[in-house]
Protein backbone atom coordinates (compact mmCIF):
# COMPACT_ATOMS: atom_id res chain seq x y z
CA UNK A 1 -15.47 20.37 13.88
CA UNK A 2 -14.93 17.20 11.34
CA UNK A 3 -12.09 15.80 10.03
CA UNK A 4 -11.95 13.02 7.21
CA UNK A 5 -9.07 10.88 8.20
CA UNK A 6 -7.34 8.89 5.17
CA UNK A 7 -3.75 7.57 4.39
CA UNK A 8 -1.78 5.24 2.05
CA UNK A 9 -3.20 6.95 -1.21
CA UNK A 10 -0.07 5.34 -2.83
CA UNK A 11 -0.24 7.91 -6.01
CA UNK A 12 2.42 6.44 -8.85
CA UNK A 13 1.62 2.39 -7.75
CA UNK A 14 1.12 0.09 -10.25
CA UNK A 15 -1.01 -2.99 -9.70
CA UNK A 16 1.24 -6.59 -10.98
CA UNK A 17 2.52 -4.16 -13.68
CA UNK A 18 -0.99 -2.60 -14.39
CA UNK A 19 -1.05 1.18 -14.40
CA UNK A 20 -3.42 2.71 -11.54
CA UNK A 21 -3.58 6.36 -12.42
CA UNK A 22 -7.02 6.45 -13.56
CA UNK A 23 -8.53 4.50 -10.43
CA UNK A 24 -6.61 6.59 -8.33
CA UNK A 25 -8.19 9.62 -9.60
CA UNK A 26 -11.54 8.44 -9.66
CA UNK A 27 -11.60 7.35 -6.13
CA UNK A 28 -9.69 10.54 -4.64
CA UNK A 29 -11.89 12.56 -6.55
CA UNK A 30 -14.66 10.86 -4.09
CA UNK A 31 -13.07 11.91 -1.56
CA UNK A 32 -14.12 15.70 -2.90
CA UNK A 33 -17.38 15.00 -2.95
CA UNK A 34 -17.67 13.77 0.08
CA UNK A 35 -15.99 16.53 1.70
CA UNK A 36 -18.54 18.73 -0.19
CA UNK A 37 -21.56 16.37 0.97
CA UNK A 38 -20.57 15.92 4.31
CA UNK A 39 -19.54 19.13 5.31
CA UNK A 40 -15.33 18.23 6.36
CA UNK A 41 -13.61 21.18 7.67
CA UNK A 42 -10.36 19.23 7.27
CA UNK A 43 -9.01 15.99 5.42
CA UNK A 44 -6.20 14.23 7.40
CA UNK A 45 -3.84 12.42 5.12
CA UNK A 46 -1.54 10.15 7.56
CA UNK A 47 1.16 9.35 4.95
CA UNK A 48 2.19 7.78 1.58
CA UNK A 49 0.89 10.37 -0.55
CA UNK A 50 2.95 8.85 -3.39
CA UNK A 51 4.39 5.36 -3.87
CA UNK A 52 7.94 6.72 -4.52
CA UNK A 53 10.26 9.03 -3.15
CA UNK A 54 10.66 10.70 -6.42
CA UNK A 55 7.32 10.38 -8.15
CA UNK A 56 6.63 10.50 -11.93
CA UNK A 57 5.40 13.64 -13.51
CA UNK A 58 1.93 11.81 -13.70
CA UNK A 59 1.36 10.95 -10.36
CA UNK A 60 2.29 14.38 -9.15
CA UNK A 61 -0.38 15.86 -11.29
CA UNK A 62 -3.46 13.21 -9.76
CA UNK A 63 -2.04 14.07 -6.10
CA UNK A 64 -2.49 17.66 -6.90
CA UNK A 65 -5.42 17.51 -9.09
CA UNK A 66 -6.75 15.25 -5.92
CA UNK A 67 -5.45 18.39 -3.46
CA UNK A 68 -7.15 21.18 -5.53
CA UNK A 69 -10.85 19.09 -5.96
CA UNK A 70 -10.47 18.76 -1.86
CA UNK A 71 -9.82 22.25 -1.19
CA UNK A 72 -12.21 24.09 -3.73
CA UNK A 73 -14.89 21.79 -2.03
CA UNK A 74 -14.39 23.68 1.47
CA UNK A 75 -11.68 21.53 3.07
CA UNK A 76 -8.43 22.27 4.07
CA UNK A 77 -5.63 19.60 4.43
CA UNK A 78 -2.94 18.18 6.58
CA UNK A 79 -0.65 15.90 5.37
CA UNK A 80 2.52 13.96 6.82
CA UNK A 81 5.04 11.94 4.92
CA UNK A 82 4.71 7.80 5.25
CA UNK A 83 8.15 5.67 4.57
CA UNK A 84 7.52 5.62 0.87
CA UNK A 85 7.97 9.46 0.75
CA UNK A 86 10.70 11.79 0.31
CA UNK A 87 9.89 14.08 3.46
CA UNK A 88 11.85 16.97 1.63
CA UNK A 89 10.28 17.30 -1.61
CA UNK A 90 6.65 16.82 0.00
CA UNK A 91 7.30 19.65 2.85
CA UNK A 92 8.78 21.88 -0.14
CA UNK A 93 6.81 25.50 0.11
CA UNK A 94 5.16 24.21 2.88
CA UNK A 95 4.82 27.80 4.49
CA UNK A 96 3.67 29.31 0.90
CA UNK A 97 1.00 25.94 0.86
CA UNK A 98 -0.30 26.50 4.44
CA UNK A 99 -1.36 29.93 3.29
CA UNK A 100 -3.97 28.38 0.47
CA UNK A 101 -5.31 25.95 3.30
CA UNK A 102 -2.41 22.85 2.65
CA UNK A 103 -0.47 22.33 5.69
CA UNK A 104 2.48 19.96 5.22
CA UNK A 105 3.96 18.54 8.71
CA UNK A 106 7.17 17.29 7.43
CA UNK A 107 9.58 17.98 9.63
CA UNK A 108 11.13 16.13 12.87
CA UNK A 109 11.88 19.71 14.26
CA UNK A 110 8.26 20.86 13.21
CA UNK A 111 5.99 17.91 14.66
CA UNK A 112 5.57 19.81 18.15
CA UNK A 113 4.33 22.97 16.30
CA UNK A 114 0.09 22.36 15.66
CA UNK A 115 -2.01 23.31 12.68
CA UNK A 116 -4.67 25.69 14.57
CA UNK A 117 -8.36 25.27 13.95
CA UNK A 118 -11.22 26.97 15.25
CA UNK A 119 -14.92 25.82 15.64
CA UNK A 120 -17.85 26.94 18.14
CA UNK A 121 -16.64 25.12 20.75
CA UNK A 122 -12.84 26.65 21.01
CA UNK A 123 -9.76 25.70 19.11
CA UNK A 124 -8.34 22.28 18.14
CA UNK A 125 -4.61 21.46 17.63
CA UNK A 126 -3.67 19.01 15.04
CA UNK A 127 -0.26 17.88 15.33
CA UNK A 128 1.65 16.07 11.96
CA UNK A 129 4.36 13.32 13.10
CA UNK A 130 6.13 12.11 9.74
CA UNK A 131 7.44 8.92 9.39
CA UNK A 132 10.17 8.57 11.71
CA UNK A 133 13.21 6.30 10.58
CA UNK A 134 14.79 5.21 13.90
CA UNK A 135 18.27 5.73 13.19
CA UNK A 136 18.42 8.83 11.85
CA UNK A 137 15.34 10.28 13.90
CA UNK A 138 16.65 9.39 17.16
CA UNK A 139 19.79 12.21 16.63
CA UNK A 140 17.36 14.45 15.18
CA UNK A 141 15.25 13.93 18.38
CA UNK A 142 18.45 14.64 20.55
CA UNK A 143 17.57 11.26 22.26
CA UNK A 144 20.65 9.17 21.21
CA UNK A 145 19.59 6.13 23.44
CA UNK A 146 16.32 5.87 21.75
CA UNK A 147 15.84 2.74 20.60
CA UNK A 148 13.38 1.64 17.17
CA UNK A 149 10.10 3.05 16.46
CA UNK A 150 8.77 2.96 20.09
CA UNK A 151 11.57 5.36 21.20
CA UNK A 152 11.39 7.73 18.61
CA UNK A 153 7.62 7.80 18.85
CA UNK A 154 7.63 7.78 22.78
CA UNK A 155 9.49 11.30 22.22
CA UNK A 156 7.53 12.96 19.46
CA UNK A 157 4.60 12.08 21.42
CA UNK A 158 6.43 13.71 24.58
CA UNK A 159 6.99 16.69 22.52
CA UNK A 160 3.30 16.84 21.52
CA UNK A 161 2.00 16.44 25.00
CA UNK A 162 4.60 19.31 26.44
CA UNK A 163 2.92 21.06 23.66
CA UNK A 164 -0.63 20.61 24.37
CA UNK A 165 0.37 21.55 28.45
CA UNK A 166 0.56 24.90 27.28
CA UNK A 167 -3.14 24.88 25.65
CA UNK A 168 -5.21 24.05 28.28
CA UNK A 169 -8.66 23.06 27.17
CA UNK A 170 -7.43 22.72 23.56
CA UNK A 171 -8.52 19.78 21.62
CA UNK A 172 -6.13 17.30 19.91
CA UNK A 173 -5.05 15.33 16.95
CA UNK A 174 -2.34 13.37 15.74
CA UNK A 175 -1.50 12.01 12.71
CA UNK A 176 1.27 8.85 12.55
CA UNK A 177 2.54 6.79 10.07
CA UNK A 178 3.52 3.59 12.05
CA UNK A 179 2.68 -0.11 12.57
CA UNK A 180 0.90 -0.23 15.80
CA UNK A 181 0.60 -3.64 17.50
CA UNK A 182 -2.67 -5.46 17.00
CA UNK A 183 -2.73 -3.83 13.17
CA UNK A 184 -3.44 -6.41 10.65
CA UNK A 185 -1.05 -5.95 7.88
CA UNK A 186 -1.77 -7.06 4.47
CA UNK A 187 0.66 -7.84 1.91
CA UNK A 188 1.29 -4.70 0.26
CA UNK A 189 2.83 -2.78 2.67
CA UNK A 190 6.56 -2.07 2.66
CA UNK A 191 7.85 -3.31 5.91
CA UNK A 192 9.67 -0.87 8.30
CA UNK A 193 11.02 -3.40 10.66
CA UNK A 194 14.16 -2.22 12.64
CA UNK A 195 16.31 -5.17 13.65
CA UNK A 196 12.95 -7.39 13.90
CA UNK A 197 11.07 -5.20 15.42
CA UNK A 198 8.29 -2.64 13.69
CA UNK A 199 5.35 -2.21 16.22
CA UNK A 200 4.64 0.02 18.83
CA UNK A 201 2.40 0.23 21.47
CA UNK A 202 -0.86 1.95 20.99
CA UNK A 203 0.01 3.46 24.70
CA UNK A 204 2.60 5.79 23.06
CA UNK A 205 -0.14 7.78 21.38
CA UNK A 206 -2.09 8.75 25.11
CA UNK A 207 -3.06 11.97 26.35
CA UNK A 208 -4.71 13.08 22.48
CA UNK A 209 -8.39 12.71 21.45
CA UNK A 210 -7.91 11.31 18.17
CA UNK A 211 -4.83 9.46 16.26
CA UNK A 212 -5.09 9.75 12.62
CA UNK A 213 -2.55 6.30 11.81
CA UNK A 214 -1.36 5.50 8.35
CA UNK A 215 0.73 2.59 7.03
CA UNK A 216 -1.29 -0.23 7.31
CA UNK A 217 -3.47 -0.75 4.07
CA UNK A 218 -6.64 -2.40 6.00
CA UNK A 219 -9.23 -0.35 7.79
CA UNK A 220 -8.97 -0.64 11.25
CA UNK A 221 -10.13 0.04 15.06
CA UNK A 222 -7.52 -0.53 17.86
CA UNK A 223 -9.42 1.58 20.17
CA UNK A 224 -12.18 4.29 19.96
CA UNK A 225 -9.78 6.78 19.26
CA UNK A 226 -7.11 4.89 17.65
CA UNK A 227 -7.88 3.85 13.88
CA UNK A 228 -6.32 3.14 10.09
CA UNK A 229 -8.50 4.39 7.73
CA UNK A 230 -6.34 2.14 5.33
CA UNK A 231 -5.47 2.61 1.43
CA UNK A 232 -8.08 4.13 -0.50
CA UNK A 233 -7.63 0.99 -3.65
CA UNK A 234 -6.50 -2.29 -2.89
CA UNK A 235 -2.67 -2.89 -3.89
CA UNK A 236 -2.99 -6.45 -3.18
CA UNK A 237 -5.07 -9.61 -3.74
CA UNK A 238 -5.19 -9.98 -0.11
CA UNK A 239 -7.24 -7.08 0.07
CA UNK A 240 -9.73 -8.11 -2.10
CA UNK A 241 -12.06 -8.67 0.58
CA UNK A 242 -11.55 -5.57 2.17
CA UNK A 243 -14.50 -2.93 1.61
CA UNK A 244 -12.16 0.34 1.26
CA UNK A 245 -13.06 3.54 3.63
CA UNK A 246 -12.43 6.75 5.01
CA UNK A 247 -13.28 7.55 8.79
CA UNK A 248 -15.28 10.67 9.32
CA UNK A 249 -14.20 12.75 12.99
CA UNK A 250 -16.55 14.89 14.83
CA UNK A 251 -14.97 16.50 17.94
CA UNK A 252 -17.57 18.17 20.33
CA UNK A 253 -16.87 20.29 23.21
CA UNK A 254 -15.34 17.71 25.46
CA UNK A 255 -13.03 15.71 22.80
CA UNK A 256 -14.21 13.27 20.43
CA UNK A 257 -17.66 12.83 19.95
CA UNK A 258 -18.36 10.04 17.04
CA UNK A 259 -16.55 8.47 14.45
CA UNK A 260 -17.90 7.08 11.13
CA UNK A 261 -17.06 4.63 8.48
CA UNK A 262 -17.72 5.53 5.01
CA UNK A 263 -16.90 3.18 2.24
CA UNK A 264 -15.52 4.09 -0.90
CA UNK A 265 -16.36 3.13 -4.39
CA UNK A 266 -14.29 0.57 -6.08
CA UNK A 267 -12.92 1.97 -9.67
CA UNK A 268 -12.03 -2.03 -10.57
CA UNK A 269 -12.54 -4.96 -8.61
CA UNK A 270 -10.55 -7.50 -7.86
CA UNK A 271 -11.14 -11.67 -8.31
CA UNK A 272 -9.00 -14.64 -8.37
CA UNK A 273 -9.98 -17.55 -11.17
CA UNK A 274 -8.97 -21.25 -10.57
CA UNK A 275 -9.07 -23.78 -13.43
CA UNK A 276 -8.00 -25.49 -16.54
CA UNK A 277 -7.09 -23.05 -19.28
CA UNK A 278 -10.08 -24.21 -21.74
CA UNK A 279 -12.62 -23.93 -19.15
CA UNK A 280 -11.29 -20.13 -18.10
CA UNK A 281 -11.65 -19.16 -21.69
CA UNK A 282 -15.05 -20.53 -22.21
CA UNK A 283 -17.08 -20.84 -19.59
CA UNK A 284 -19.84 -17.99 -19.24
CA UNK A 285 -19.94 -18.22 -15.71
CA UNK A 286 -16.88 -16.20 -15.69
CA UNK A 287 -18.42 -13.39 -17.67
CA UNK A 288 -18.60 -10.99 -14.34
CA UNK A 289 -14.98 -11.01 -14.17
CA UNK A 290 -14.12 -9.34 -17.64
CA UNK A 291 -13.78 -6.30 -16.00
CA UNK A 292 -11.71 -6.98 -12.86
CA UNK A 293 -7.80 -7.27 -11.84
CA UNK A 294 -7.63 -10.73 -11.90
CA UNK A 295 -5.37 -13.38 -10.33
CA UNK A 296 -5.39 -16.70 -12.28
CA UNK A 297 -4.44 -20.41 -11.27
CA UNK A 298 -4.33 -22.70 -14.19
CA UNK A 299 -4.56 -26.22 -12.86
CA UNK A 300 -3.64 -28.05 -16.09
CA UNK A 301 -1.51 -31.74 -15.93
CA UNK A 302 0.61 -29.64 -18.73
CA UNK A 303 1.78 -26.23 -18.78
CA UNK A 304 -0.53 -24.45 -20.91
CA UNK A 305 1.56 -22.87 -23.84
CA UNK A 306 1.44 -19.12 -23.77
CA UNK A 307 -1.26 -18.71 -21.28
CA UNK A 308 -1.47 -15.09 -20.13
CA UNK A 309 -1.49 -13.66 -23.61
CA UNK A 310 -4.62 -16.28 -24.35
CA UNK A 311 -6.39 -15.30 -21.09
CA UNK A 312 -5.97 -11.61 -21.56
CA UNK A 313 -7.75 -12.10 -24.93
CA UNK A 314 -10.92 -12.80 -22.75
CA UNK A 315 -9.96 -10.92 -19.86
CA UNK A 316 -8.03 -7.74 -20.49
CA UNK A 317 -7.25 -7.02 -16.83
CA UNK A 318 -5.90 -10.34 -15.89
CA UNK A 319 -2.27 -9.09 -14.08
CA UNK A 320 -1.11 -12.37 -12.33
CA UNK A 321 -0.77 -15.88 -13.37
CA UNK A 322 0.25 -19.04 -11.74
CA UNK A 323 0.47 -23.17 -13.10
CA UNK A 324 -0.78 -25.50 -9.90
CA UNK A 325 -1.38 -28.75 -11.79
CA UNK A 326 -3.79 -30.87 -10.76
CA UNK A 327 -2.76 -33.57 -8.20
CA UNK A 328 0.79 -31.46 -8.00
CA UNK A 329 3.89 -32.11 -9.68
CA UNK A 330 5.43 -35.22 -9.96
CA UNK A 331 8.24 -36.53 -7.88
CA UNK A 332 9.64 -34.74 -5.34
CA UNK A 333 11.82 -32.05 -5.31
CA UNK A 334 15.75 -33.01 -5.50
CA UNK A 335 18.76 -30.77 -5.09
CA UNK A 336 20.89 -29.49 -7.85
CA UNK A 337 23.37 -32.05 -7.51
CA UNK A 338 21.37 -35.18 -7.02
CA UNK A 339 18.71 -34.27 -10.02
CA UNK A 340 22.00 -34.24 -12.71
CA UNK A 341 24.46 -36.99 -11.20
CA UNK A 342 25.08 -39.50 -13.60
CA UNK A 343 22.94 -38.10 -16.23
CA UNK A 344 23.96 -36.58 -19.79
CA UNK A 345 23.10 -32.96 -20.79
CA UNK A 346 19.95 -34.36 -22.95
CA UNK A 347 18.11 -36.19 -20.14
CA UNK A 348 18.99 -33.48 -17.79
CA UNK A 349 17.25 -30.92 -20.16
CA UNK A 350 14.20 -33.63 -20.61
CA UNK A 351 13.86 -33.86 -17.08
CA UNK A 352 13.76 -29.68 -16.53
CA UNK A 353 11.14 -29.24 -19.36
CA UNK A 354 8.89 -31.92 -17.42
CA UNK A 355 9.69 -30.39 -14.30
CA UNK A 356 8.55 -26.65 -15.77
CA UNK A 357 5.51 -27.54 -17.81
CA UNK A 358 4.56 -31.28 -16.30
CA UNK A 359 5.38 -33.13 -19.77
CA UNK A 360 8.39 -34.05 -21.50
CA UNK A 361 9.40 -32.73 -24.70
CA UNK A 362 7.93 -33.55 -28.20
CA UNK A 363 10.01 -35.38 -30.95
CA UNK A 364 10.48 -31.92 -32.50
CA UNK A 365 11.26 -30.10 -29.38
CA UNK A 366 14.01 -32.85 -28.84
CA UNK A 367 15.67 -32.74 -32.11
CA UNK A 368 15.85 -28.81 -31.31
CA UNK A 369 17.55 -29.31 -27.98
CA UNK A 370 20.19 -31.86 -29.85
CA UNK A 371 21.08 -29.51 -32.05
CA UNK A 372 21.21 -26.63 -29.21
CA UNK A 373 23.57 -28.57 -27.12
CA UNK A 374 25.56 -29.85 -29.94
CA UNK A 375 26.18 -25.81 -31.02
CA UNK A 376 26.90 -25.37 -27.50
CA UNK A 377 29.75 -28.02 -27.41
CA UNK A 378 31.12 -26.38 -30.37
CA UNK A 379 31.48 -23.06 -29.00
CA UNK A 380 33.23 -24.24 -26.11
CA UNK A 381 35.96 -26.39 -28.15
CA UNK A 382 36.13 -23.39 -30.06
CA UNK A 383 37.43 -21.07 -27.30
């Protein structure tokens, strides 16, 4: 039996304010092509289908279209919610959806009830553990003394193993959304720390043939049977060098037989640029980045005026801008009380402009400052 392991679609997420629905639709559509080309039996989605608990109508459309294409390509789906999803909303009409090949495992009470598949070697039990928020989950699981993510996932896996004991010889797969010790985070995951502890040991998941993990956005192998697929798109510039992928998982007669990595297409690449703004705007060497999402650092000694607008005239997908003047800012930072002590309002205003953009106000700007401060004084006296 062959599974495709994916997770962390985050449909509806934006990238520094830029809409990603077109890119998400493109890469999720590739999953359907992969299902057909690789004869995938089931697609496992280990949480964070959406980026918000209440997704937009467009986000729902994109996710639904992806599922429809995957199903039409010949695979069933097993889906669990992540920490970004609303489990009750995602699990609505689960019993009806299962009849069409979409298996939604969203409840604590149902985590030990597997989706059963069958191949030439017999049955395969696929268990979906929804994201477990420790405080409510320990009560829902009936283990009030359980502590943190490790405590509730330990109980969840105890229930899974107990069910497996009633199914001798059955091969097993578990979907879980968690931060497993040894995994490397990026800048785009939302923390799930509770009391400063969010990691769980990989040994919690012992006793099953394959564990399809979600939550961390980089593809990672923690053990042969314990893997993160990562997100299908990069959601932070810290992921710019990652090659996004999914895992193709084969189960043989005796359990895990093979795992292959399949790299996904990149609808829009990420890149970073650094330099003085005139060079960035005019150097033909940067033409290769015209269609990339860009993080730009300008190094002009004086902060350029209207820098983002000017950059977007050449680079329409510039989404992030920083100013780091070559050589650094002049002078060491001061506490507010030290910065204003013994200085007039106009002197403080001059220093503010100098610090913000690396140059003092021009003569015309200083006249505007005088008039603004005089108007403020008149307003204060009138009160």
